[in-house]
């Protein structure tokens, strides 16, 4: 894995280069969730984001979008992977534009988690949205929990913590040149991965 150039990243985001990145997370205080948990949460995020993107595009009635995503939920055996809020959203026939747009950002959480799993080689920076097709490819190639688990190559806890601390540092810089939506989702994903927060 190519080492991450924090100085170059700070320069791109127009934030000061710290002598040391503040340690919000540490190997002593934080652990990584199990690959089984990560697989289930990733699948839920993929399905929520895919559904939301379809609703935004308005290529078909929402009933058709719901039928489509239910087929995928069955295929991935994912009915129990969702939070209560996610289940209610997927069953709601009249979601607000705000809610749909908000949950479409879950692509960014998924992108961060798939990077931690070794599926996404280049995390990039939180100044531009991810290429969603790279996330979708992971699930097109791994159509079951077993396949996902077998194919994943989790990064060392140290590397994930290092990036999570950098993400928190970026968030502390008021003038950072970032996409706020991307940064918000990266922070949410890293907190969850490192067991600092439950999902929703």
C-alpha atoms as a PDB file:
ATOM      1  CA  UNK A   1       0.000   0.000   0.000  1.00  0.00           C
ATOM      2  CA  UNK A   2       1.331   3.416  -0.936  1.00  0.00           C
ATOM      3  CA  UNK A   3       2.053   5.580   2.099  1.00  0.00           C
ATOM      4  CA  UNK A   4      -0.220   8.587   2.482  1.00  0.00           C
ATOM      5  CA  UNK A   5       1.400  12.004   2.053  1.00  0.00           C
ATOM      6  CA  UNK A   6      -0.188  14.060   4.828  1.00  0.00           C
ATOM      7  CA  UNK A   7       1.809  17.192   3.987  1.00  0.00           C
ATOM      8  CA  UNK A   8       0.638  17.139   0.379  1.00  0.00           C
ATOM      9  CA  UNK A   9      -2.934  16.518   1.516  1.00  0.00           C
ATOM     10  CA  UNK A  10      -2.785  19.503   3.872  1.00  0.00           C
ATOM     11  CA  UNK A  11      -1.463  21.649   1.053  1.00  0.00           C
ATOM     12  CA  UNK A  12      -4.266  20.576  -1.282  1.00  0.00           C
ATOM     13  CA  UNK A  13      -6.900  21.246   1.368  1.00  0.00           C
ATOM     14  CA  UNK A  14      -5.223  24.541   2.299  1.00  0.00           C
ATOM     15  CA  UNK A  15      -4.839  23.700   5.987  1.00  0.00           C
ATOM     16  CA  UNK A  16      -1.760  24.011   8.241  1.00  0.00           C
ATOM     17  CA  UNK A  17       0.610  21.059   8.394  1.00  0.00           C
ATOM     18  CA  UNK A  18       0.626  20.053  12.084  1.00  0.00           C
ATOM     19  CA  UNK A  19       3.818  18.942  13.796  1.00  0.00           C
ATOM     20  CA  UNK A  20       1.722  15.998  14.959  1.00  0.00           C
ATOM     21  CA  UNK A  21      -1.850  15.049  14.102  1.00  0.00           C
ATOM     22  CA  UNK A  22      -4.006  15.195  17.264  1.00  0.00           C
ATOM     23  CA  UNK A  23      -4.884  11.709  18.489  1.00  0.00           C
ATOM     24  CA  UNK A  24      -8.648  11.497  18.795  1.00  0.00           C
ATOM     25  CA  UNK A  25      -8.387   7.730  18.314  1.00  0.00           C
ATOM     26  CA  UNK A  26      -5.688   5.327  19.485  1.00  0.00           C
ATOM     27  CA  UNK A  27      -4.943   1.608  19.421  1.00  0.00           C
ATOM     28  CA  UNK A  28      -5.248   1.633  23.201  1.00  0.00           C
ATOM     29  CA  UNK A  29      -8.749   3.133  23.206  1.00  0.00           C
ATOM     30  CA  UNK A  30     -10.310   1.913  19.959  1.00  0.00           C
ATOM     31  CA  UNK A  31     -10.885  -1.435  18.315  1.00  0.00           C
ATOM     32  CA  UNK A  32     -12.056  -2.360  14.845  1.00  0.00           C
ATOM     33  CA  UNK A  33     -15.466  -3.881  14.292  1.00  0.00           C
ATOM     34  CA  UNK A  34     -15.641  -7.488  13.131  1.00  0.00           C
ATOM     35  CA  UNK A  35     -15.572  -8.222   9.419  1.00  0.00           C
ATOM     36  CA  UNK A  36     -19.085  -9.661   9.761  1.00  0.00           C
ATOM     37  CA  UNK A  37     -20.403  -6.356  11.147  1.00  0.00           C
ATOM     38  CA  UNK A  38     -18.536  -4.416   8.488  1.00  0.00           C
ATOM     39  CA  UNK A  39     -19.910  -6.619   5.719  1.00  0.00           C
ATOM     40  CA  UNK A  40     -23.507  -6.143   6.894  1.00  0.00           C
ATOM     41  CA  UNK A  41     -23.185  -2.378   7.340  1.00  0.00           C
ATOM     42  CA  UNK A  42     -21.486  -2.018   3.949  1.00  0.00           C
ATOM     43  CA  UNK A  43     -24.274  -3.955   2.261  1.00  0.00           C
ATOM     44  CA  UNK A  44     -26.925  -1.824   3.973  1.00  0.00           C
ATOM     45  CA  UNK A  45     -25.171   1.382   2.916  1.00  0.00           C
ATOM     46  CA  UNK A  46     -24.832   0.145  -0.656  1.00  0.00           C
ATOM     47  CA  UNK A  47     -28.530  -0.658  -0.899  1.00  0.00           C
ATOM     48  CA  UNK A  48     -29.661   2.595   0.745  1.00  0.00           C
ATOM     49  CA  UNK A  49     -27.382   4.683  -1.487  1.00  0.00           C
ATOM     50  CA  UNK A  50     -28.359   2.791  -4.648  1.00  0.00           C
ATOM     51  CA  UNK A  51     -32.051   3.205  -3.867  1.00  0.00           C
ATOM     52  CA  UNK A  52     -31.637   6.909  -3.064  1.00  0.00           C
ATOM     53  CA  UNK A  53     -29.758   7.552  -6.282  1.00  0.00           C
ATOM     54  CA  UNK A  54     -32.515   5.851  -8.256  1.00  0.00           C
ATOM     55  CA  UNK A  55     -35.213   7.921  -6.548  1.00  0.00           C
ATOM     56  CA  UNK A  56     -33.310  11.150  -7.244  1.00  0.00           C
ATOM     57  CA  UNK A  57     -33.018  10.315 -10.943  1.00  0.00           C
ATOM     58  CA  UNK A  58     -36.796   9.714 -11.126  1.00  0.00           C
ATOM     59  CA  UNK A  59     -36.461   7.246 -13.994  1.00  0.00           C
ATOM     60  CA  UNK A  60     -39.434   5.258 -12.702  1.00  0.00           C
ATOM     61  CA  UNK A  61     -42.223   5.459 -10.094  1.00  0.00           C
ATOM     62  CA  UNK A  62     -41.034   5.044  -6.512  1.00  0.00           C
ATOM     63  CA  UNK A  63     -42.968   1.770  -6.260  1.00  0.00           C
ATOM     64  CA  UNK A  64     -40.732   0.355  -8.991  1.00  0.00           C
ATOM     65  CA  UNK A  65     -37.615   1.577  -7.193  1.00  0.00           C
ATOM     66  CA  UNK A  66     -38.818  -0.093  -3.996  1.00  0.00           C
ATOM     67  CA  UNK A  67     -39.517  -3.360  -5.816  1.00  0.00           C
ATOM     68  CA  UNK A  68     -36.066  -3.222  -7.397  1.00  0.00           C
ATOM     69  CA  UNK A  69     -34.261  -2.677  -4.103  1.00  0.00           C
ATOM     70  CA  UNK A  70     -36.337  -5.351  -2.338  1.00  0.00           C
ATOM     71  CA  UNK A  71     -35.079  -7.866  -4.888  1.00  0.00           C
ATOM     72  CA  UNK A  72     -31.516  -6.901  -4.005  1.00  0.00           C
ATOM     73  CA  UNK A  73     -32.256  -7.108  -0.288  1.00  0.00           C
ATOM     74  CA  UNK A  74     -33.470 -10.663  -0.863  1.00  0.00           C
ATOM     75  CA  UNK A  75     -30.451 -11.529  -2.996  1.00  0.00           C
ATOM     76  CA  UNK A  76     -28.019 -10.290  -0.345  1.00  0.00           C
ATOM     77  CA  UNK A  77     -30.162 -11.709   2.502  1.00  0.00           C
ATOM     78  CA  UNK A  78     -29.926  -8.223   3.986  1.00  0.00           C
ATOM     79  CA  UNK A  79     -33.343  -7.712   5.578  1.00  0.00           C
ATOM     80  CA  UNK A  80     -31.877  -7.527   9.085  1.00  0.00           C
ATOM     81  CA  UNK A  81     -28.892  -5.326   8.208  1.00  0.00           C
ATOM     82  CA  UNK A  82     -30.707  -1.993   8.316  1.00  0.00           C
ATOM     83  CA  UNK A  83     -31.285   0.384  11.182  1.00  0.00           C
ATOM     84  CA  UNK A  84     -34.868   1.233  12.136  1.00  0.00           C
ATOM     85  CA  UNK A  85     -34.573   4.582  10.348  1.00  0.00           C
ATOM     86  CA  UNK A  86     -33.243   2.922   7.197  1.00  0.00           C
ATOM     87  CA  UNK A  87     -36.063   0.360   7.163  1.00  0.00           C
ATOM     88  CA  UNK A  88     -38.680   3.090   7.535  1.00  0.00           C
ATOM     89  CA  UNK A  89     -37.058   5.083   4.742  1.00  0.00           C
ATOM     90  CA  UNK A  90     -36.967   2.153   2.313  1.00  0.00           C
ATOM     91  CA  UNK A  91     -40.659   1.453   2.979  1.00  0.00           C
ATOM     92  CA  UNK A  92     -41.796   5.092   2.778  1.00  0.00           C
ATOM     93  CA  UNK A  93     -43.673   5.765  -0.463  1.00  0.00           C
ATOM     94  CA  UNK A  94     -43.377   9.547  -0.058  1.00  0.00           C
ATOM     95  CA  UNK A  95     -39.865  10.368   1.211  1.00  0.00           C
ATOM     96  CA  UNK A  96     -38.953  14.048   1.146  1.00  0.00           C
ATOM     97  CA  UNK A  97     -36.393  15.326  -1.355  1.00  0.00           C
ATOM     98  CA  UNK A  98     -34.258  16.363   1.606  1.00  0.00           C
ATOM     99  CA  UNK A  99     -34.280  12.856   3.063  1.00  0.00           C
ATOM    100  CA  UNK A 100     -33.459  11.217  -0.255  1.00  0.00           C
ATOM    101  CA  UNK A 101     -30.628  13.647  -0.924  1.00  0.00           C
ATOM    102  CA  UNK A 102     -29.249  13.201   2.585  1.00  0.00           C
ATOM    103  CA  UNK A 103     -29.161   9.411   2.314  1.00  0.00           C
ATOM    104  CA  UNK A 104     -27.618   9.501  -1.142  1.00  0.00           C
ATOM    105  CA  UNK A 105     -24.497  10.779   0.662  1.00  0.00           C
ATOM    106  CA  UNK A 106     -24.133   7.285   2.134  1.00  0.00           C
ATOM    107  CA  UNK A 107     -21.995   6.495  -0.914  1.00  0.00           C
ATOM    108  CA  UNK A 108     -19.258   8.467   0.846  1.00  0.00           C
ATOM    109  CA  UNK A 109     -19.517   6.491   4.092  1.00  0.00           C
ATOM    110  CA  UNK A 110     -19.411   3.316   2.043  1.00  0.00           C
ATOM    111  CA  UNK A 111     -16.372   4.543   0.110  1.00  0.00           C
ATOM    112  CA  UNK A 112     -14.443   5.073   3.357  1.00  0.00           C
ATOM    113  CA  UNK A 113     -15.414   1.670   4.761  1.00  0.00           C
ATOM    114  CA  UNK A 114     -14.525  -0.138   1.523  1.00  0.00           C
ATOM    115  CA  UNK A 115     -11.146   1.596   1.580  1.00  0.00           C
ATOM    116  CA  UNK A 116     -10.579   0.247   5.102  1.00  0.00           C
ATOM    117  CA  UNK A 117     -11.541  -3.218   3.807  1.00  0.00           C
ATOM    118  CA  UNK A 118      -8.925  -3.022   1.064  1.00  0.00           C
ATOM    119  CA  UNK A 119     -11.408  -2.832  -1.816  1.00  0.00           C
ATOM    120  CA  UNK A 120     -10.675   0.820  -2.678  1.00  0.00           C
ATOM    121  CA  UNK A 121      -6.971   1.404  -3.271  1.00  0.00           C
ATOM    122  CA  UNK A 122      -7.022   5.211  -3.259  1.00  0.00           C
ATOM    123  CA  UNK A 123      -9.227   6.860  -0.637  1.00  0.00           C
ATOM    124  CA  UNK A 124      -8.538  10.285  -2.096  1.00  0.00           C
ATOM    125  CA  UNK A 125      -9.372  13.448  -0.168  1.00  0.00           C
ATOM    126  CA  UNK A 126     -12.690  14.750   1.166  1.00  0.00           C
ATOM    127  CA  UNK A 127     -12.744  17.605  -1.319  1.00  0.00           C
ATOM    128  CA  UNK A 128     -14.664  15.794  -4.041  1.00  0.00           C
ATOM    129  CA  UNK A 129     -17.309  13.043  -4.097  1.00  0.00           C
ATOM    130  CA  UNK A 130     -16.202   9.486  -4.767  1.00  0.00           C
ATOM    131  CA  UNK A 131     -16.733   7.562  -8.000  1.00  0.00           C
ATOM    132  CA  UNK A 132     -19.779   5.562  -6.950  1.00  0.00           C
ATOM    133  CA  UNK A 133     -19.267   2.905  -9.603  1.00  0.00           C
ATOM    134  CA  UNK A 134     -16.114   1.807  -7.777  1.00  0.00           C
ATOM    135  CA  UNK A 135     -18.249   1.035  -4.730  1.00  0.00           C
ATOM    136  CA  UNK A 136     -20.886  -0.714  -6.827  1.00  0.00           C
ATOM    137  CA  UNK A 137     -18.237  -2.921  -8.465  1.00  0.00           C
ATOM    138  CA  UNK A 138     -17.357  -4.414  -5.083  1.00  0.00           C
ATOM    139  CA  UNK A 139     -20.889  -5.762  -4.690  1.00  0.00           C
ATOM    140  CA  UNK A 140     -21.210  -6.821  -8.311  1.00  0.00           C
ATOM    141  CA  UNK A 141     -18.144  -9.001  -7.776  1.00  0.00           C
ATOM    142  CA  UNK A 142     -19.014 -10.160  -4.250  1.00  0.00           C
ATOM    143  CA  UNK A 143     -22.650 -11.200  -4.174  1.00  0.00           C
ATOM    144  CA  UNK A 144     -22.718 -12.775  -0.723  1.00  0.00           C
ATOM    145  CA  UNK A 145     -21.395 -12.193   2.782  1.00  0.00           C
ATOM    146  CA  UNK A 146     -19.022 -15.086   2.313  1.00  0.00           C
ATOM    147  CA  UNK A 147     -17.577 -13.638  -0.888  1.00  0.00           C
ATOM    148  CA  UNK A 148     -17.234 -10.161   0.642  1.00  0.00           C
ATOM    149  CA  UNK A 149     -15.505 -11.524   3.739  1.00  0.00           C
ATOM    150  CA  UNK A 150     -13.163 -13.730   1.720  1.00  0.00           C
ATOM    151  CA  UNK A 151     -12.199 -10.931  -0.678  1.00  0.00           C
ATOM    152  CA  UNK A 152     -11.670  -8.217   1.932  1.00  0.00           C
ATOM    153  CA  UNK A 153      -8.151  -7.402   3.045  1.00  0.00           C
ATOM    154  CA  UNK A 154      -8.586  -5.173   6.082  1.00  0.00           C
ATOM    155  CA  UNK A 155      -5.971  -2.488   6.487  1.00  0.00           C
ATOM    156  CA  UNK A 156      -3.992  -2.541   9.738  1.00  0.00           C
ATOM    157  CA  UNK A 157      -5.795  -0.870  12.637  1.00  0.00           C
ATOM    158  CA  UNK A 158      -2.895   1.578  12.867  1.00  0.00           C
ATOM    159  CA  UNK A 159      -3.516   2.815   9.303  1.00  0.00           C
ATOM    160  CA  UNK A 160      -7.248   3.214   9.811  1.00  0.00           C
ATOM    161  CA  UNK A 161      -6.709   5.116  13.056  1.00  0.00           C
ATOM    162  CA  UNK A 162      -4.096   7.303  11.390  1.00  0.00           C
ATOM    163  CA  UNK A 163      -6.546   8.278   8.649  1.00  0.00           C
ATOM    164  CA  UNK A 164      -9.439   8.707  11.086  1.00  0.00           C
ATOM    165  CA  UNK A 165      -7.337  11.107  13.155  1.00  0.00           C
ATOM    166  CA  UNK A 166      -6.437  13.038  10.014  1.00  0.00           C
ATOM    167  CA  UNK A 167     -10.114  13.250   9.050  1.00  0.00           C
ATOM    168  CA  UNK A 168     -10.889  14.674  12.495  1.00  0.00           C
ATOM    169  CA  UNK A 169      -8.042  17.156  12.116  1.00  0.00           C
ATOM    170  CA  UNK A 170      -9.430  18.299   8.764  1.00  0.00           C
ATOM    171  CA  UNK A 171     -12.808  18.780  10.418  1.00  0.00           C
ATOM    172  CA  UNK A 172     -11.230  21.017  13.046  1.00  0.00           C
ATOM    173  CA  UNK A 173      -9.857  23.391  10.391  1.00  0.00           C
ATOM    174  CA  UNK A 174     -12.609  25.895   9.645  1.00  0.00           C
ATOM    175  CA  UNK A 175     -11.129  27.057   6.343  1.00  0.00           C
ATOM    176  CA  UNK A 176     -10.338  23.611   4.928  1.00  0.00           C
ATOM    177  CA  UNK A 177     -11.216  23.344   1.230  1.00  0.00           C
ATOM    178  CA  UNK A 178     -13.450  20.302   1.520  1.00  0.00           C
ATOM    179  CA  UNK A 179     -16.809  19.020   0.395  1.00  0.00           C
ATOM    180  CA  UNK A 180     -18.683  19.157   3.692  1.00  0.00           C
ATOM    181  CA  UNK A 181     -20.952  16.270   2.724  1.00  0.00           C
ATOM    182  CA  UNK A 182     -18.005  13.992   1.977  1.00  0.00           C
ATOM    183  CA  UNK A 183     -16.149  14.942   5.149  1.00  0.00           C
ATOM    184  CA  UNK A 184     -19.257  14.411   7.276  1.00  0.00           C
ATOM    185  CA  UNK A 185     -19.715  10.890   5.929  1.00  0.00           C
ATOM    186  CA  UNK A 186     -16.030  10.008   6.344  1.00  0.00           C
ATOM    187  CA  UNK A 187     -16.194  11.085   9.971  1.00  0.00           C
ATOM    188  CA  UNK A 188     -19.363   9.074  10.522  1.00  0.00           C
ATOM    189  CA  UNK A 189     -17.823   5.979   8.919  1.00  0.00           C
ATOM    190  CA  UNK A 190     -14.562   6.214  10.856  1.00  0.00           C
ATOM    191  CA  UNK A 191     -16.362   6.679  14.185  1.00  0.00           C
ATOM    192  CA  UNK A 192     -18.447   3.597  13.483  1.00  0.00           C
ATOM    193  CA  UNK A 193     -15.526   1.465  12.270  1.00  0.00           C
ATOM    194  CA  UNK A 194     -13.528   2.252  15.395  1.00  0.00           C
ATOM    195  CA  UNK A 195     -16.506   1.530  17.684  1.00  0.00           C
ATOM    196  CA  UNK A 196     -16.678   5.158  18.841  1.00  0.00           C
ATOM    197  CA  UNK A 197     -20.345   5.389  17.778  1.00  0.00           C
ATOM    198  CA  UNK A 198     -23.251   3.177  16.797  1.00  0.00           C
ATOM    199  CA  UNK A 199     -24.788   3.732  13.363  1.00  0.00           C
ATOM    200  CA  UNK A 200     -27.600   6.259  13.816  1.00  0.00           C
END
